[in-house]
Amino acid sequence: MDTNNKQRFLILIEQFLSGKASVSEIKSLFNFFQSHQEISDWEDEHKKVVEEKIYHNIQEKLGIGSFKRKKVISIFNTNLLKYAAVILLGGLLAYSVLNRDILSTSKDLELVENNIQIGTNKASLTLEDGSIVLLEKGKLYENRNVNSNGDEIVYNEVDAESVLNMNDVKYNYLTIPRGGQFLVKLSDNTKVWLNSESQLKYPINFIEGTSREVELIYGEAYFEVSPSALHNGDSFQVISRGQKVEVVGTQFNVKSYKDEASIYTTLVEGEVLVSHADTKQTLRPNQQYAFNILDHKGLISNVNVYNEVSWRGGVFSFENKSLKEIMTVLSRWYDMNVIFENKDIENVEFVGVLYKDRSIESILKNIKSVGSIKSYEIRDRKVILN
């Protein structure tokens, strides 16, 4: 953690302990904890402040001990301090700290040919002539106006005179397999982070005077759009399974998996217009639009943006998510199949942060340690929960 972040953290602590912190500052302190879970570089006295003073003072100031909360199990994948996530009750922040040794040996673990690997940067690029190029960490690729270092692929803008009309536009497809992720920088400098099991269709170069349009065929993508002001006012559009998201310049996330009935569009900053058929909805920051492709109905709700986009920063953040939902996310990243032998545990809800660079064994030990599952097995690429 850098010096500026550490200083900001200490200021928030001081404000809270002195009784001068506003509700927004308390929320900022919580958000800071969420974003900086691993604090091995903190001195012992700072750890003590976090673990004891902060926790007990929040309990005392907000009187959360008397609240009856829905049973939600906290999970964390780190052997340092374990910060449980929060439940907001009437605008009050309830914060708890979980500090336990989750790395103890499990007697109920059975491993048989564990072939489950941690996800990594990899993708396949389908060129305009139909040929396919495999992109993976440590592998270089270069072809005309495009190059990749194995972690991302970058398109450079070509001479505008070579692209005169839509008939001259050529498209590439970037496909991310299960167990993969990748970043593509489009020719207009828009950045798109693609999650596991996703596919994006996009032009090699955009035509000036027309909308910059890409298609998220399936999966999840985080967009950091180059402002229209830099492109003579040309808007940017994302098409996905009948839904259109139009922006001027902003950051947002679109989740549109084939095995899910809804498309989730989450706005981080700026403003977007989401449309399908005859319906149009404008989103503000921290809002999410869920569009059901079966009944063509949509719903706007306020969300914790961090939970929705944390996958891009190397973690999965869950708030009141069922074990079934969590394992669906993990199955894509670890390219594995999950079987619930005990159906009763599918709907157990969790809150917490899991790091994407941890082994699946470590995560399963973590989940078992909080008592939500009795045992688990790993057989080849299959996880069996009981």
Protein backbone atom coordinates (compact mmCIF):
# COMPACT_ATOMS: atom_id res chain seq x y z
CA MET A 1 0.00 0.00 0.00
CA ASP A 2 1.52 3.35 -0.99
CA THR A 3 2.24 6.26 1.36
CA ASN A 4 -0.70 8.40 0.21
CA ASN A 5 -3.20 5.60 0.80
CA LYS A 6 -1.72 4.86 4.20
CA GLN A 7 -1.94 8.52 5.21
CA ARG A 8 -5.56 8.72 4.07
CA PHE A 9 -6.33 5.58 6.04
CA LEU A 10 -4.81 7.04 9.23
CA ILE A 11 -6.75 10.29 8.80
CA LEU A 12 -10.03 8.37 8.50
CA ILE A 13 -9.16 6.40 11.65
CA GLU A 14 -8.40 9.62 13.54
CA GLN A 15 -11.63 11.25 12.38
CA PHE A 16 -13.65 8.25 13.48
CA LEU A 17 -12.03 7.77 16.87
CA SER A 18 -12.31 11.49 17.67
CA GLY A 19 -16.03 11.43 16.99
CA LYS A 20 -15.73 13.90 14.12
CA ALA A 21 -16.39 11.48 11.28
CA SER A 22 -19.52 12.04 9.25
CA VAL A 23 -21.64 9.17 7.94
CA SER A 24 -19.99 9.54 4.53
CA GLU A 25 -16.52 9.37 6.14
CA ILE A 26 -17.49 6.23 8.06
CA LYS A 27 -18.64 4.71 4.79
CA SER A 28 -15.35 5.79 3.20
CA LEU A 29 -13.49 4.02 6.00
CA PHE A 30 -15.45 0.84 5.30
CA ASN A 31 -14.87 1.13 1.56
CA PHE A 32 -11.17 1.59 2.25
CA PHE A 33 -11.14 -1.64 4.26
CA GLN A 34 -12.88 -3.43 1.40
CA SER A 35 -10.38 -2.19 -1.15
CA HIS A 36 -7.25 -2.83 0.95
CA GLN A 37 -7.85 -6.17 2.63
CA GLU A 38 -4.22 -7.24 2.87
CA ILE A 39 -2.35 -5.01 5.32
CA SER A 40 0.81 -6.96 6.07
CA ASP A 41 2.82 -3.75 5.77
CA TRP A 42 1.02 -2.07 8.67
CA GLU A 43 2.81 -1.72 11.99
CA ASP A 44 1.51 -3.76 14.94
CA GLU A 45 -0.08 -0.76 16.62
CA HIS A 46 -2.06 0.04 13.49
CA LYS A 47 -3.28 -3.55 13.31
CA LYS A 48 -4.38 -3.25 16.92
CA VAL A 49 -6.29 -0.07 16.14
CA VAL A 50 -8.05 -1.77 13.26
CA GLU A 51 -8.82 -4.97 15.12
CA GLU A 52 -9.81 -3.56 18.51
CA LYS A 53 -10.44 0.18 18.63
CA ILE A 54 -12.19 0.58 15.28
CA TYR A 55 -14.36 -2.50 15.74
CA HIS A 56 -15.45 -1.83 19.31
CA ASN A 57 -15.92 1.90 18.76
CA ILE A 58 -18.21 1.30 15.80
CA GLN A 59 -20.22 -1.16 17.89
CA GLU A 60 -20.47 1.33 20.75
CA LYS A 61 -21.24 4.41 18.63
CA LEU A 62 -23.83 2.73 16.44
CA GLY A 63 -25.21 0.35 19.05
CA ILE A 64 -25.18 -2.49 16.60
CA GLY A 65 -25.05 -5.13 19.34
CA SER A 66 -28.79 -4.83 19.80
CA PHE A 67 -29.65 -5.24 16.13
CA LYS A 68 -31.04 -8.52 14.89
CA ARG A 69 -29.37 -9.19 11.60
CA LYS A 70 -30.12 -11.71 8.95
CA LYS A 71 -27.72 -14.62 9.24
CA VAL A 72 -25.02 -13.96 6.70
CA ILE A 73 -21.71 -15.80 6.90
CA SER A 74 -18.49 -13.86 6.38
CA ILE A 75 -15.80 -15.36 4.17
CA PHE A 76 -12.27 -14.13 3.49
CA ASN A 77 -9.32 -15.69 1.75
CA THR A 78 -6.33 -14.28 3.63
CA ASN A 79 -4.40 -15.43 6.69
CA LEU A 80 -4.01 -11.85 7.92
CA LEU A 81 -6.86 -9.90 9.53
CA LYS A 82 -10.28 -10.94 8.27
CA TYR A 83 -12.70 -8.10 7.74
CA ALA A 84 -16.31 -9.15 7.43
CA ALA A 85 -18.43 -7.03 5.12
CA VAL A 86 -21.21 -4.77 6.24
CA ILE A 87 -24.93 -4.62 6.57
CA LEU A 88 -26.40 -1.15 6.24
CA LEU A 89 -29.36 -0.72 8.60
CA GLY A 90 -31.18 2.58 8.25
CA GLY A 91 -28.02 4.21 7.01
CA LEU A 92 -25.96 2.93 9.95
CA LEU A 93 -22.82 0.97 9.25
CA ALA A 94 -22.44 -2.32 11.07
CA TYR A 95 -18.90 -3.64 10.85
CA SER A 96 -17.47 -6.87 12.18
CA VAL A 97 -14.00 -8.40 12.19
CA LEU A 98 -13.34 -12.07 11.64
CA ASN A 99 -9.92 -13.29 12.76
CA ARG A 100 -9.43 -17.00 12.47
CA ASP A 101 -6.91 -19.46 11.08
CA ILE A 102 -8.56 -20.70 7.93
CA LEU A 103 -5.52 -22.55 6.71
CA SER A 104 -5.79 -25.42 9.17
CA THR A 105 -5.73 -28.89 7.65
CA SER A 106 -9.17 -30.26 6.83
CA LYS A 107 -9.78 -33.91 7.74
CA ASP A 108 -12.74 -34.05 5.38
CA LEU A 109 -10.82 -33.06 2.26
CA GLU A 110 -10.33 -35.56 -0.51
CA LEU A 111 -8.23 -34.70 -3.56
CA VAL A 112 -8.25 -37.01 -6.55
CA GLU A 113 -6.25 -35.76 -9.53
CA ASN A 114 -6.87 -32.09 -8.82
CA ASN A 115 -6.47 -30.42 -12.20
CA ILE A 116 -8.13 -27.13 -11.25
CA GLN A 117 -5.81 -24.24 -12.01
CA ILE A 118 -6.03 -20.58 -11.04
CA GLY A 119 -7.33 -18.42 -13.90
CA THR A 120 -4.90 -16.31 -15.90
CA ASN A 121 -4.63 -13.87 -18.83
CA LYS A 122 -5.56 -15.76 -21.99
CA ALA A 123 -7.82 -15.36 -25.00
CA SER A 124 -8.29 -16.35 -28.61
CA LEU A 125 -8.38 -13.71 -31.33
CA THR A 126 -10.42 -14.38 -34.45
CA LEU A 127 -9.16 -12.23 -37.31
CA GLU A 128 -11.18 -10.84 -40.21
CA ASP A 129 -10.10 -13.74 -42.46
CA GLY A 130 -11.36 -16.31 -39.94
CA SER A 131 -7.94 -17.39 -38.69
CA ILE A 132 -7.50 -17.78 -34.93
CA VAL A 133 -4.57 -16.60 -32.83
CA LEU A 134 -4.07 -17.81 -29.26
CA LEU A 135 -3.09 -15.06 -26.84
CA GLU A 136 -1.61 -16.00 -23.49
CA LYS A 137 0.61 -14.65 -20.76
CA GLY A 138 4.23 -14.30 -21.88
CA LYS A 139 3.41 -14.73 -25.59
CA LEU A 140 3.95 -11.81 -28.01
CA TYR A 141 1.82 -11.19 -31.07
CA GLU A 142 2.00 -8.44 -33.72
CA ASN A 143 0.10 -7.99 -36.97
CA ARG A 144 -0.26 -4.73 -38.87
CA ASN A 145 -2.02 -2.30 -36.51
CA VAL A 146 -2.46 -4.72 -33.61
CA ASN A 147 -0.09 -6.15 -31.03
CA SER A 148 -0.30 -8.12 -27.79
CA ASN A 149 2.11 -8.75 -24.92
CA GLY A 150 0.08 -11.66 -23.54
CA ASP A 151 -1.75 -9.56 -20.96
CA GLU A 152 -3.59 -7.20 -23.29
CA ILE A 153 -4.16 -6.55 -26.97
CA VAL A 154 -3.84 -3.05 -28.42
CA TYR A 155 -5.25 -1.70 -31.69
CA ASN A 156 -3.72 1.38 -33.27
CA GLU A 157 -5.86 3.71 -35.39
CA VAL A 158 -5.31 3.18 -39.10
CA ASP A 159 -5.31 5.84 -41.78
CA ALA A 160 -8.89 7.18 -42.06
CA GLU A 161 -8.64 7.25 -45.86
CA SER A 162 -8.37 3.44 -45.90
CA VAL A 163 -11.79 3.13 -44.23
CA LEU A 164 -14.29 5.15 -46.27
CA ASN A 165 -17.62 3.43 -45.52
CA MET A 166 -19.24 0.61 -43.58
CA ASN A 167 -18.43 -1.87 -46.32
CA ASP A 168 -14.74 -1.34 -45.55
CA VAL A 169 -15.12 -2.11 -41.83
CA LYS A 170 -13.47 -5.36 -40.72
CA TYR A 171 -14.27 -7.05 -37.42
CA ASN A 172 -12.30 -9.10 -34.94
CA TYR A 173 -13.60 -11.33 -32.16
CA LEU A 174 -11.88 -11.68 -28.81
CA THR A 175 -13.01 -14.81 -26.96
CA ILE A 176 -12.13 -15.41 -23.32
CA PRO A 177 -12.37 -19.05 -22.19
CA ARG A 178 -13.35 -20.26 -18.75
CA GLY A 179 -10.35 -19.68 -16.53
CA GLY A 180 -9.25 -16.60 -18.46
CA GLN A 181 -9.45 -12.81 -18.60
CA PHE A 182 -8.03 -10.20 -20.98
CA LEU A 183 -7.84 -6.49 -21.74
CA VAL A 184 -8.37 -5.03 -25.20
CA LYS A 185 -7.60 -1.44 -26.13
CA LEU A 186 -9.68 -0.47 -29.15
CA SER A 187 -8.51 1.82 -31.91
CA ASP A 188 -10.34 4.80 -30.33
CA ASN A 189 -8.42 4.24 -27.04
CA THR A 190 -11.46 2.73 -25.30
CA LYS A 191 -10.37 0.02 -22.86
CA VAL A 192 -12.43 -3.13 -22.34
CA TRP A 193 -11.67 -5.67 -19.61
CA LEU A 194 -13.22 -9.04 -20.42
CA ASN A 195 -14.08 -11.58 -17.73
CA SER A 196 -14.00 -15.37 -18.02
CA GLU A 197 -16.26 -17.03 -20.59
CA SER A 198 -16.88 -13.87 -22.63
CA GLN A 199 -16.79 -12.82 -26.27
CA LEU A 200 -16.55 -9.34 -27.79
CA LYS A 201 -17.04 -8.36 -31.44
CA TYR A 202 -15.50 -5.04 -32.50
CA PRO A 203 -14.23 -3.24 -35.61
CA ILE A 204 -10.52 -2.99 -36.25
CA ASN A 205 -11.08 0.71 -36.82
CA PHE A 206 -14.06 3.01 -36.29
CA ILE A 207 -15.46 5.23 -39.06
CA GLU A 208 -15.56 8.93 -38.29
CA GLY A 209 -19.09 10.33 -38.29
CA THR A 210 -20.76 7.08 -37.20
CA SER A 211 -21.44 5.59 -33.79
CA ARG A 212 -18.58 3.52 -32.37
CA GLU A 213 -20.35 0.20 -31.94
CA VAL A 214 -19.19 -3.07 -30.36
CA GLU A 215 -21.10 -6.20 -29.42
CA LEU A 216 -20.76 -8.17 -26.20
CA ILE A 217 -21.98 -11.46 -27.62
CA TYR A 218 -21.91 -13.08 -24.18
CA GLY A 219 -20.11 -12.80 -20.86
CA GLU A 220 -19.01 -9.82 -18.81
CA ALA A 221 -17.04 -6.70 -19.73
CA TYR A 222 -15.95 -3.51 -18.03
CA PHE A 223 -15.77 -0.49 -20.37
CA GLU A 224 -13.68 2.63 -19.94
CA VAL A 225 -14.88 4.62 -22.94
CA SER A 226 -12.84 7.26 -24.70
CA PRO A 227 -14.98 10.46 -24.58
CA SER A 228 -17.02 11.42 -27.63
CA ALA A 229 -15.47 14.89 -27.46
CA LEU A 230 -12.22 13.31 -28.67
CA HIS A 231 -14.01 11.71 -31.62
CA ASN A 232 -15.99 14.58 -33.14
CA GLY A 233 -19.03 13.73 -31.01
CA ASP A 234 -19.32 10.12 -32.17
CA SER A 235 -21.14 8.15 -29.47
CA PHE A 236 -20.16 4.71 -28.23
CA GLN A 237 -22.62 1.82 -28.17
CA VAL A 238 -22.54 -1.67 -26.68
CA ILE A 239 -24.99 -4.21 -28.08
CA SER A 240 -25.78 -7.38 -26.15
CA ARG A 241 -28.64 -9.83 -26.74
CA GLY A 242 -31.15 -7.21 -27.84
CA GLN A 243 -30.03 -4.52 -25.40
CA LYS A 244 -28.17 -1.35 -26.38
CA VAL A 245 -26.08 0.82 -24.06
CA GLU A 246 -25.20 4.24 -25.46
CA VAL A 247 -22.61 6.49 -23.86
CA VAL A 248 -20.69 9.67 -24.49
CA GLY A 249 -17.68 8.83 -22.34
CA THR A 250 -17.88 6.92 -19.09
CA GLN A 251 -17.11 3.72 -17.17
CA PHE A 252 -19.61 0.90 -16.80
CA ASN A 253 -19.93 -2.87 -16.52
CA VAL A 254 -22.15 -5.17 -18.59
CA LYS A 255 -22.82 -8.74 -17.44
CA SER A 256 -24.60 -10.84 -20.05
CA TYR A 257 -23.88 -14.55 -19.58
CA LYS A 258 -25.63 -17.13 -21.72
CA ASP A 259 -26.77 -19.15 -18.70
CA GLU A 260 -28.36 -16.16 -16.96
CA ALA A 261 -31.78 -14.78 -17.86
CA SER A 262 -30.86 -11.14 -17.15
CA ILE A 263 -28.37 -8.63 -18.47
CA TYR A 264 -26.90 -6.44 -15.73
CA THR A 265 -25.61 -2.98 -16.67
CA THR A 266 -23.84 -1.17 -13.82
CA LEU A 267 -22.76 2.47 -14.11
CA VAL A 268 -19.54 3.47 -12.34
CA GLU A 269 -19.30 7.07 -13.51
CA GLY A 270 -20.82 9.34 -16.12
CA GLU A 271 -24.18 8.58 -17.68
CA VAL A 272 -25.53 5.91 -20.02
CA LEU A 273 -28.76 5.33 -21.90
CA VAL A 274 -29.91 1.70 -21.88
CA SER A 275 -32.53 0.70 -24.43
CA HIS A 276 -34.33 -2.40 -25.67
CA ALA A 277 -37.35 -2.51 -27.98
CA ASP A 278 -39.35 0.65 -27.17
CA THR A 279 -37.97 1.12 -23.65
CA LYS A 280 -35.19 3.55 -22.70
CA GLN A 281 -33.66 4.07 -19.27
CA THR A 282 -31.00 6.54 -18.13
CA LEU A 283 -28.56 5.34 -15.49
CA ARG A 284 -26.74 7.43 -12.92
CA PRO A 285 -23.56 6.40 -11.06
CA ASN A 286 -24.06 3.54 -8.58
CA GLN A 287 -27.17 2.33 -10.39
CA GLN A 288 -27.71 -1.03 -12.04
CA TYR A 289 -30.24 -1.93 -14.70
CA ALA A 290 -31.35 -5.57 -14.78
CA PHE A 291 -33.05 -6.50 -18.05
CA ASN A 292 -34.77 -9.88 -18.23
CA ILE A 293 -34.47 -11.19 -21.79
CA LEU A 294 -37.35 -13.63 -21.26
CA ASP A 295 -40.12 -11.23 -20.29
CA HIS A 296 -38.38 -8.07 -21.60
CA LYS A 297 -38.83 -6.27 -18.28
CA GLY A 298 -36.19 -4.12 -16.64
CA LEU A 299 -35.52 -2.80 -13.16
CA ILE A 300 -33.20 -0.04 -11.91
CA SER A 301 -31.68 -0.39 -8.44
CA ASN A 302 -28.90 1.20 -6.41
CA VAL A 303 -25.94 -1.12 -5.87
CA ASN A 304 -22.52 -1.27 -4.28
CA VAL A 305 -20.45 -0.71 -7.40
CA TYR A 306 -17.33 -2.20 -5.81
CA ASN A 307 -19.04 -5.58 -5.51
CA GLU A 308 -20.07 -5.49 -9.16
CA VAL A 309 -16.71 -4.56 -10.71
CA SER A 310 -14.14 -5.87 -8.20
CA TRP A 311 -13.37 -8.82 -10.52
CA ARG A 312 -11.38 -6.39 -12.70
CA GLY A 313 -9.06 -5.59 -9.77
CA GLY A 314 -8.18 -9.16 -8.84
CA VAL A 315 -10.87 -9.99 -6.27
CA PHE A 316 -14.43 -11.25 -6.07
CA SER A 317 -16.49 -9.22 -3.60
CA PHE A 318 -19.78 -10.74 -2.48
CA GLU A 319 -22.55 -9.14 -0.46
CA ASN A 320 -25.46 -11.37 0.60
CA LYS A 321 -24.80 -13.79 -2.25
CA SER A 322 -25.82 -17.42 -2.03
CA LEU A 323 -23.24 -20.18 -2.13
CA LYS A 324 -24.74 -21.28 -5.45
CA GLU A 325 -24.21 -17.81 -6.96
CA ILE A 326 -20.67 -17.65 -5.59
CA MET A 327 -19.75 -21.06 -6.97
CA THR A 328 -21.13 -20.05 -10.38
CA VAL A 329 -18.68 -17.13 -10.43
CA LEU A 330 -15.80 -19.30 -9.23
CA SER A 331 -16.57 -22.06 -11.72
CA ARG A 332 -15.93 -19.64 -14.58
CA TRP A 333 -12.64 -18.39 -13.17
CA TYR A 334 -11.29 -21.81 -12.22
CA ASP A 335 -12.86 -23.59 -15.21
CA MET A 336 -14.47 -26.24 -13.03
CA ASN A 337 -17.82 -27.91 -12.44
CA VAL A 338 -19.56 -27.73 -9.06
CA ILE A 339 -21.96 -30.34 -7.68
CA PHE A 340 -24.08 -29.73 -4.59
CA GLU A 341 -24.72 -33.13 -2.99
CA ASN A 342 -26.46 -31.28 -0.17
CA LYS A 343 -29.02 -28.97 -1.80
CA ASP A 344 -29.74 -27.26 1.51
CA ILE A 345 -26.45 -25.35 1.38
CA GLU A 346 -27.08 -23.80 -2.04
CA ASN A 347 -28.95 -20.83 -0.55
CA VAL A 348 -26.66 -20.11 2.41
CA GLU A 349 -25.69 -16.44 2.02
CA PHE A 350 -22.21 -15.00 2.36
CA VAL A 351 -20.49 -11.66 2.42
CA GLY A 352 -16.79 -11.08 1.95
CA VAL A 353 -13.87 -10.93 -0.42
CA LEU A 354 -12.09 -13.79 -2.20
CA TYR A 355 -8.79 -13.19 -4.00
CA LYS A 356 -8.51 -14.44 -7.56
CA ASP A 357 -4.88 -15.51 -7.18
CA ARG A 358 -5.71 -18.12 -4.50
CA SER A 359 -5.95 -21.84 -5.20
CA ILE A 360 -9.37 -23.44 -5.19
CA GLU A 361 -8.24 -25.60 -2.23
CA SER A 362 -7.54 -22.47 -0.18
CA ILE A 363 -10.96 -21.00 -0.98
CA LEU A 364 -12.80 -24.21 -0.15
CA LYS A 365 -10.96 -24.49 3.17
CA ASN A 366 -12.03 -20.95 3.86
CA ILE A 367 -15.70 -21.65 3.15
CA LYS A 368 -15.60 -24.83 5.21
CA SER A 369 -13.95 -23.04 8.14
CA VAL A 370 -17.02 -20.85 8.69
CA GLY A 371 -19.20 -23.94 9.02
CA SER A 372 -21.40 -23.60 5.94
CA ILE A 373 -20.30 -26.88 4.38
CA LYS A 374 -19.38 -30.12 6.12
CA SER A 375 -16.99 -31.45 3.53
CA TYR A 376 -15.85 -31.14 -0.05
CA GLU A 377 -14.04 -33.20 -2.65
CA ILE A 378 -11.99 -32.24 -5.69
CA ARG A 379 -11.99 -34.83 -8.44
CA ASP A 380 -10.24 -33.88 -11.65
CA ARG A 381 -12.03 -30.62 -12.62
CA LYS A 382 -15.04 -31.24 -10.40
CA VAL A 383 -15.83 -29.88 -6.93
CA ILE A 384 -18.35 -31.78 -4.81
CA LEU A 385 -19.88 -29.95 -1.85
CA ASN A 386 -21.66 -31.53 1.10
